[in-house]
Amino acid sequence: MSTIHIAAALLLNPQGQTLLVRKRGTTAFMQPGGKIEAGEEPVHALARELEEELGLHIDTAQAQFLGEFSAPAANEPGFVVHAQIFQLTIEADVCPAAEIEEVIWIDPATDQAVELAPLTRDRILPFYRASLNAFA
């Protein structure tokens, strides 16, 4: 299987909800972010993608690295996404742009009634829920 290297964000608002995006022509919601270009640091790729896709400007120093996660790609059959995941809390409004058709805020601690990409459903949200339970 071929691998797609991405940087993605677990974006949280002050109410503890996380932002998910859905690309134009697709059905699954996923973490915002995108492909890391050659020679680009993952956190800088994330900042570039968030600006392009959501009009969001972040302070990369505030991005907390959570780890590396892999899962089957949601929209590219036969590919695996290998993601560098960063957590950020934002209060800014976001607006879908570029290839993003829809954004939603969800409660990351509960099961959702929306279709989720494998990386979000099987790796990122379970990791986040486990971290919440560790501090409960």
N, C-alpha and C. Protein backbone atom coordinates (compact mmCIF):
# COMPACT_ATOMS: atom_id res chain seq x y z
N MET A 1 0.85 -1.20 0.00
CA MET A 1 0.00 0.00 0.00
C MET A 1 0.88 1.24 0.00
N SER A 2 0.45 2.25 -0.71
CA SER A 2 1.16 3.52 -0.76
C SER A 2 0.74 4.37 0.43
N THR A 3 1.65 5.24 0.85
CA THR A 3 1.42 6.06 2.03
C THR A 3 1.33 7.53 1.65
N ILE A 4 0.36 8.21 2.25
CA ILE A 4 0.20 9.65 2.12
C ILE A 4 0.59 10.25 3.47
N HIS A 5 1.57 11.16 3.47
CA HIS A 5 2.02 11.80 4.71
C HIS A 5 1.30 13.13 4.88
N ILE A 6 0.62 13.25 6.02
CA ILE A 6 -0.16 14.46 6.28
C ILE A 6 0.14 15.01 7.68
N ALA A 7 -0.25 16.27 7.85
CA ALA A 7 -0.30 16.90 9.17
C ALA A 7 -1.77 17.26 9.38
N ALA A 8 -2.29 16.96 10.55
CA ALA A 8 -3.71 17.23 10.82
C ALA A 8 -3.87 17.73 12.25
N ALA A 9 -5.03 18.34 12.49
CA ALA A 9 -5.27 18.97 13.80
C ALA A 9 -6.48 18.40 14.50
N LEU A 10 -6.34 18.24 15.79
CA LEU A 10 -7.47 18.06 16.68
C LEU A 10 -7.74 19.47 17.20
N LEU A 11 -8.63 20.18 16.48
CA LEU A 11 -8.97 21.56 16.84
C LEU A 11 -10.12 21.54 17.82
N LEU A 12 -9.92 22.14 18.97
CA LEU A 12 -10.95 22.19 20.01
C LEU A 12 -11.39 23.63 20.21
N ASN A 13 -12.67 23.81 20.55
CA ASN A 13 -13.14 25.13 20.94
C ASN A 13 -13.24 25.18 22.46
N PRO A 14 -13.50 26.34 23.04
CA PRO A 14 -13.56 26.43 24.51
C PRO A 14 -14.62 25.53 25.15
N GLN A 15 -15.62 25.08 24.37
CA GLN A 15 -16.66 24.19 24.90
C GLN A 15 -16.24 22.72 24.83
N GLY A 16 -15.04 22.45 24.29
CA GLY A 16 -14.54 21.08 24.21
C GLY A 16 -14.96 20.32 22.97
N GLN A 17 -15.62 21.00 22.03
CA GLN A 17 -15.98 20.35 20.77
C GLN A 17 -14.77 20.35 19.83
N THR A 18 -14.76 19.41 18.89
CA THR A 18 -13.68 19.37 17.90
C THR A 18 -14.26 19.64 16.51
N LEU A 19 -13.46 20.30 15.69
CA LEU A 19 -13.87 20.65 14.34
C LEU A 19 -13.50 19.54 13.37
N LEU A 20 -14.47 19.15 12.54
CA LEU A 20 -14.23 18.19 11.47
C LEU A 20 -14.60 18.83 10.15
N VAL A 21 -13.96 18.36 9.08
CA VAL A 21 -14.21 18.90 7.75
C VAL A 21 -14.60 17.77 6.80
N ARG A 22 -15.34 18.15 5.76
CA ARG A 22 -15.68 17.20 4.70
C ARG A 22 -15.28 17.84 3.37
N LYS A 23 -14.48 17.11 2.62
CA LYS A 23 -14.01 17.62 1.33
C LYS A 23 -15.13 17.52 0.29
N ARG A 24 -15.09 18.43 -0.66
CA ARG A 24 -16.06 18.45 -1.75
C ARG A 24 -16.08 17.11 -2.47
N GLY A 25 -17.28 16.58 -2.71
CA GLY A 25 -17.43 15.32 -3.43
C GLY A 25 -17.19 14.08 -2.60
N THR A 26 -17.08 14.22 -1.27
CA THR A 26 -16.86 13.06 -0.40
C THR A 26 -17.96 13.02 0.66
N THR A 27 -17.98 11.93 1.45
CA THR A 27 -19.03 11.78 2.47
C THR A 27 -18.49 11.74 3.89
N ALA A 28 -17.20 11.44 4.08
CA ALA A 28 -16.66 11.26 5.43
C ALA A 28 -16.07 12.55 5.97
N PHE A 29 -16.34 12.79 7.26
CA PHE A 29 -15.74 13.93 7.96
C PHE A 29 -14.40 13.49 8.55
N MET A 30 -13.47 14.43 8.62
CA MET A 30 -12.11 14.14 9.10
C MET A 30 -11.51 15.37 9.76
N GLN A 31 -10.34 15.16 10.36
CA GLN A 31 -9.60 16.26 10.95
C GLN A 31 -9.13 17.19 9.82
N PRO A 32 -9.10 18.48 10.07
CA PRO A 32 -8.55 19.38 9.07
C PRO A 32 -7.03 19.21 8.99
N GLY A 33 -6.50 19.45 7.81
CA GLY A 33 -5.07 19.34 7.57
C GLY A 33 -4.82 18.91 6.16
N GLY A 34 -3.61 18.47 5.88
CA GLY A 34 -3.32 18.05 4.52
C GLY A 34 -1.91 17.54 4.35
N LYS A 35 -1.55 17.34 3.10
CA LYS A 35 -0.28 16.72 2.75
C LYS A 35 0.90 17.62 3.12
N ILE A 36 1.96 16.95 3.58
CA ILE A 36 3.21 17.63 3.91
C ILE A 36 4.05 17.68 2.64
N GLU A 37 4.47 18.87 2.25
CA GLU A 37 5.29 19.02 1.05
C GLU A 37 6.74 18.67 1.37
N ALA A 38 7.50 18.33 0.33
CA ALA A 38 8.91 17.97 0.48
C ALA A 38 9.68 19.06 1.22
N GLY A 39 10.40 18.67 2.27
CA GLY A 39 11.20 19.62 3.05
C GLY A 39 10.42 20.46 4.03
N GLU A 40 9.13 20.26 4.13
CA GLU A 40 8.28 21.06 5.01
C GLU A 40 8.15 20.40 6.37
N GLU A 41 8.26 21.17 7.42
CA GLU A 41 8.02 20.67 8.77
C GLU A 41 6.52 20.41 8.93
N PRO A 42 6.14 19.32 9.59
CA PRO A 42 4.71 19.00 9.73
C PRO A 42 3.87 20.14 10.32
N VAL A 43 4.36 20.81 11.34
CA VAL A 43 3.57 21.87 11.96
C VAL A 43 3.39 23.05 11.00
N HIS A 44 4.36 23.30 10.11
CA HIS A 44 4.22 24.36 9.12
C HIS A 44 3.25 23.94 8.01
N ALA A 45 3.26 22.65 7.66
CA ALA A 45 2.28 22.13 6.71
C ALA A 45 0.87 22.32 7.28
N LEU A 46 0.72 22.03 8.56
CA LEU A 46 -0.57 22.18 9.21
C LEU A 46 -1.03 23.63 9.15
N ALA A 47 -0.14 24.56 9.50
CA ALA A 47 -0.50 25.98 9.48
C ALA A 47 -0.91 26.41 8.06
N ARG A 48 -0.18 25.97 7.06
CA ARG A 48 -0.50 26.31 5.67
C ARG A 48 -1.87 25.76 5.28
N GLU A 49 -2.11 24.48 5.59
CA GLU A 49 -3.37 23.84 5.24
C GLU A 49 -4.56 24.48 5.96
N LEU A 50 -4.42 24.81 7.25
CA LEU A 50 -5.52 25.43 7.99
C LEU A 50 -5.86 26.80 7.42
N GLU A 51 -4.84 27.52 6.98
CA GLU A 51 -5.09 28.82 6.36
C GLU A 51 -5.80 28.65 5.02
N GLU A 52 -5.31 27.71 4.19
CA GLU A 52 -5.90 27.49 2.87
C GLU A 52 -7.33 26.97 2.96
N GLU A 53 -7.57 26.01 3.86
CA GLU A 53 -8.86 25.32 3.91
C GLU A 53 -9.91 26.01 4.76
N LEU A 54 -9.47 26.77 5.79
CA LEU A 54 -10.42 27.31 6.76
C LEU A 54 -10.24 28.80 7.04
N GLY A 55 -9.24 29.43 6.42
CA GLY A 55 -8.96 30.83 6.71
C GLY A 55 -8.46 31.04 8.13
N LEU A 56 -7.90 30.00 8.72
CA LEU A 56 -7.48 30.03 10.12
C LEU A 56 -5.97 30.25 10.21
N HIS A 57 -5.58 31.25 10.96
CA HIS A 57 -4.16 31.54 11.19
C HIS A 57 -3.83 31.05 12.60
N ILE A 58 -2.84 30.16 12.71
CA ILE A 58 -2.48 29.61 14.01
C ILE A 58 -1.06 30.02 14.38
N ASP A 59 -0.80 30.00 15.68
CA ASP A 59 0.54 30.16 16.21
C ASP A 59 1.11 28.75 16.35
N THR A 60 2.08 28.41 15.51
CA THR A 60 2.60 27.04 15.51
C THR A 60 3.21 26.66 16.86
N ALA A 61 3.64 27.66 17.65
CA ALA A 61 4.20 27.37 18.97
C ALA A 61 3.13 26.85 19.92
N GLN A 62 1.86 27.11 19.62
CA GLN A 62 0.76 26.66 20.47
C GLN A 62 0.26 25.27 20.09
N ALA A 63 0.75 24.73 18.98
CA ALA A 63 0.31 23.41 18.51
C ALA A 63 1.01 22.32 19.31
N GLN A 64 0.23 21.56 20.07
CA GLN A 64 0.77 20.48 20.90
C GLN A 64 0.80 19.19 20.09
N PHE A 65 1.99 18.62 19.90
CA PHE A 65 2.13 17.38 19.13
C PHE A 65 1.57 16.23 19.94
N LEU A 66 0.62 15.49 19.35
CA LEU A 66 -0.01 14.36 20.02
C LEU A 66 0.60 13.03 19.63
N GLY A 67 1.15 12.95 18.43
CA GLY A 67 1.75 11.70 17.98
C GLY A 67 1.51 11.45 16.51
N GLU A 68 1.94 10.25 16.08
CA GLU A 68 1.78 9.82 14.70
C GLU A 68 0.77 8.68 14.66
N PHE A 69 -0.15 8.76 13.72
CA PHE A 69 -1.22 7.79 13.59
C PHE A 69 -1.38 7.41 12.13
N SER A 70 -1.71 6.15 11.87
CA SER A 70 -1.94 5.69 10.50
C SER A 70 -3.27 4.96 10.41
N ALA A 71 -3.90 5.06 9.23
CA ALA A 71 -5.16 4.37 8.96
C ALA A 71 -5.39 4.35 7.45
N PRO A 72 -6.28 3.49 6.98
CA PRO A 72 -6.61 3.53 5.55
C PRO A 72 -7.13 4.91 5.16
N ALA A 73 -6.74 5.39 3.99
CA ALA A 73 -7.20 6.69 3.51
C ALA A 73 -8.70 6.64 3.22
N ALA A 74 -9.40 7.68 3.58
CA ALA A 74 -10.85 7.73 3.38
C ALA A 74 -11.23 7.89 1.92
N ASN A 75 -10.44 8.63 1.17
CA ASN A 75 -10.83 8.99 -0.19
C ASN A 75 -9.91 8.49 -1.28
N GLU A 76 -8.86 7.75 -0.91
CA GLU A 76 -7.90 7.22 -1.89
C GLU A 76 -7.76 5.72 -1.67
N PRO A 77 -8.55 4.91 -2.37
CA PRO A 77 -8.47 3.45 -2.19
C PRO A 77 -7.06 2.93 -2.43
N GLY A 78 -6.63 2.00 -1.56
CA GLY A 78 -5.30 1.42 -1.69
C GLY A 78 -4.21 2.24 -1.04
N PHE A 79 -4.55 3.35 -0.39
CA PHE A 79 -3.58 4.20 0.27
C PHE A 79 -3.80 4.19 1.78
N VAL A 80 -2.72 4.43 2.50
CA VAL A 80 -2.75 4.62 3.93
C VAL A 80 -2.32 6.06 4.21
N VAL A 81 -3.01 6.71 5.16
CA VAL A 81 -2.54 8.03 5.59
C VAL A 81 -1.71 7.84 6.85
N HIS A 82 -0.57 8.50 6.86
CA HIS A 82 0.29 8.52 8.04
C HIS A 82 0.29 9.98 8.49
N ALA A 83 -0.30 10.22 9.65
CA ALA A 83 -0.56 11.59 10.11
C ALA A 83 0.25 11.98 11.33
N GLN A 84 0.78 13.18 11.26
CA GLN A 84 1.35 13.85 12.42
C GLN A 84 0.20 14.70 12.98
N ILE A 85 -0.23 14.42 14.21
CA ILE A 85 -1.41 15.07 14.76
C ILE A 85 -1.02 16.09 15.83
N PHE A 86 -1.62 17.27 15.72
CA PHE A 86 -1.39 18.37 16.66
C PHE A 86 -2.72 18.81 17.25
N GLN A 87 -2.69 19.18 18.53
CA GLN A 87 -3.90 19.68 19.19
C GLN A 87 -3.78 21.18 19.39
N LEU A 88 -4.87 21.88 19.10
CA LEU A 88 -4.95 23.33 19.29
C LEU A 88 -6.34 23.68 19.80
N THR A 89 -6.42 24.67 20.66
CA THR A 89 -7.70 25.24 21.06
C THR A 89 -7.84 26.57 20.35
N ILE A 90 -8.98 26.77 19.69
CA ILE A 90 -9.20 28.00 18.94
C ILE A 90 -10.52 28.63 19.35
N GLU A 91 -10.60 29.94 19.21
CA GLU A 91 -11.86 30.64 19.43
C GLU A 91 -12.31 31.34 18.15
N ALA A 92 -11.48 31.28 17.11
CA ALA A 92 -11.77 31.97 15.86
C ALA A 92 -12.86 31.25 15.08
N ASP A 93 -13.60 32.03 14.29
CA ASP A 93 -14.56 31.45 13.36
C ASP A 93 -13.79 30.85 12.19
N VAL A 94 -14.30 29.78 11.64
CA VAL A 94 -13.69 29.16 10.47
C VAL A 94 -14.71 29.16 9.34
N CYS A 95 -14.20 29.18 8.12
CA CYS A 95 -15.06 29.21 6.95
C CYS A 95 -14.48 28.25 5.92
N PRO A 96 -15.28 27.29 5.43
CA PRO A 96 -14.75 26.34 4.46
C PRO A 96 -14.26 27.05 3.20
N ALA A 97 -13.10 26.62 2.72
CA ALA A 97 -12.51 27.17 1.50
C ALA A 97 -11.77 26.05 0.78
N ALA A 98 -11.17 26.38 -0.35
CA ALA A 98 -10.44 25.41 -1.16
C ALA A 98 -11.33 24.21 -1.42
N GLU A 99 -10.84 22.98 -1.09
CA GLU A 99 -11.63 21.77 -1.37
C GLU A 99 -12.59 21.40 -0.26
N ILE A 100 -12.66 22.20 0.81
CA ILE A 100 -13.55 21.89 1.93
C ILE A 100 -14.97 22.37 1.63
N GLU A 101 -15.93 21.44 1.70
CA GLU A 101 -17.32 21.78 1.42
C GLU A 101 -18.10 22.08 2.69
N GLU A 102 -17.75 21.40 3.80
CA GLU A 102 -18.56 21.53 5.02
C GLU A 102 -17.68 21.37 6.25
N VAL A 103 -17.99 22.14 7.29
CA VAL A 103 -17.33 21.99 8.58
C VAL A 103 -18.41 21.78 9.65
N ILE A 104 -18.08 20.95 10.65
CA ILE A 104 -19.00 20.74 11.77
C ILE A 104 -18.19 20.68 13.06
N TRP A 105 -18.81 21.08 14.15
CA TRP A 105 -18.25 20.91 15.48
C TRP A 105 -18.96 19.73 16.13
N ILE A 106 -18.21 18.80 16.69
CA ILE A 106 -18.82 17.64 17.36
C ILE A 106 -18.23 17.49 18.77
N ASP A 107 -18.93 16.75 19.59
CA ASP A 107 -18.41 16.37 20.90
C ASP A 107 -17.50 15.16 20.69
N PRO A 108 -16.18 15.31 20.88
CA PRO A 108 -15.28 14.20 20.60
C PRO A 108 -15.37 13.05 21.60
N ALA A 109 -16.08 13.25 22.70
CA ALA A 109 -16.15 12.21 23.73
C ALA A 109 -17.30 11.23 23.50
N THR A 110 -18.14 11.48 22.48
CA THR A 110 -19.28 10.61 22.25
C THR A 110 -19.27 10.08 20.82
N ASP A 111 -20.01 9.01 20.60
CA ASP A 111 -20.17 8.48 19.25
C ASP A 111 -21.04 9.45 18.46
N GLN A 112 -20.71 9.59 17.20
CA GLN A 112 -21.37 10.58 16.36
C GLN A 112 -22.31 9.93 15.36
N ALA A 113 -23.28 10.69 14.92
CA ALA A 113 -24.23 10.22 13.91
C ALA A 113 -23.80 10.69 12.52
N VAL A 114 -22.50 10.94 12.33
CA VAL A 114 -21.98 11.34 11.02
C VAL A 114 -20.94 10.32 10.59
N GLU A 115 -20.75 10.22 9.28
CA GLU A 115 -19.73 9.31 8.76
C GLU A 115 -18.35 9.91 9.00
N LEU A 116 -17.48 9.13 9.63
CA LEU A 116 -16.14 9.59 9.96
C LEU A 116 -15.09 8.83 9.16
N ALA A 117 -14.04 9.52 8.77
CA ALA A 117 -12.91 8.89 8.09
C ALA A 117 -12.25 7.90 9.06
N PRO A 118 -11.64 6.82 8.54
CA PRO A 118 -11.01 5.83 9.42
C PRO A 118 -9.99 6.42 10.40
N LEU A 119 -9.18 7.37 9.97
CA LEU A 119 -8.18 7.96 10.86
C LEU A 119 -8.85 8.65 12.04
N THR A 120 -9.91 9.39 11.78
CA THR A 120 -10.65 10.09 12.83
C THR A 120 -11.38 9.09 13.73
N ARG A 121 -12.13 8.19 13.11
CA ARG A 121 -12.98 7.23 13.83
C ARG A 121 -12.18 6.22 14.65
N ASP A 122 -11.12 5.66 14.05
CA ASP A 122 -10.42 4.53 14.66
C ASP A 122 -9.17 4.89 15.44
N ARG A 123 -8.61 6.07 15.19
CA ARG A 123 -7.33 6.40 15.82
C ARG A 123 -7.39 7.68 16.65
N ILE A 124 -7.79 8.80 16.04
CA ILE A 124 -7.67 10.09 16.73
C ILE A 124 -8.70 10.25 17.84
N LEU A 125 -9.98 10.04 17.54
CA LEU A 125 -10.99 10.20 18.59
C LEU A 125 -10.81 9.20 19.73
N PRO A 126 -10.52 7.91 19.46
CA PRO A 126 -10.26 7.00 20.58
C PRO A 126 -9.05 7.43 21.42
N PHE A 127 -8.01 7.92 20.78
CA PHE A 127 -6.84 8.40 21.51
C PHE A 127 -7.23 9.57 22.41
N TYR A 128 -7.98 10.51 21.86
CA TYR A 128 -8.41 11.68 22.64
C TYR A 128 -9.31 11.26 23.81
N ARG A 129 -10.25 10.35 23.55
CA ARG A 129 -11.14 9.88 24.63
C ARG A 129 -10.33 9.20 25.74
N ALA A 130 -9.33 8.41 25.37
CA ALA A 130 -8.50 7.75 26.37
C ALA A 130 -7.74 8.77 27.20
N SER A 131 -7.29 9.85 26.58
CA SER A 131 -6.57 10.89 27.33
C SER A 131 -7.50 11.60 28.28
N LEU A 132 -8.77 11.80 27.88
CA LEU A 132 -9.74 12.40 28.79
C LEU A 132 -10.00 11.51 29.98
N ASN A 133 -10.13 10.21 29.73
CA ASN A 133 -10.40 9.24 30.82
C ASN A 133 -9.20 9.12 31.76
N ALA A 134 -8.00 9.31 31.25
CA ALA A 134 -6.79 9.21 32.08
C ALA A 134 -6.75 10.32 33.12
N PHE A 135 -7.40 11.46 32.81
CA PHE A 135 -7.36 12.60 33.72
C PHE A 135 -8.66 12.73 34.52
N ALA A 136 -9.61 11.83 34.29
CA ALA A 136 -10.90 11.91 34.98
C ALA A 136 -10.79 11.38 36.40
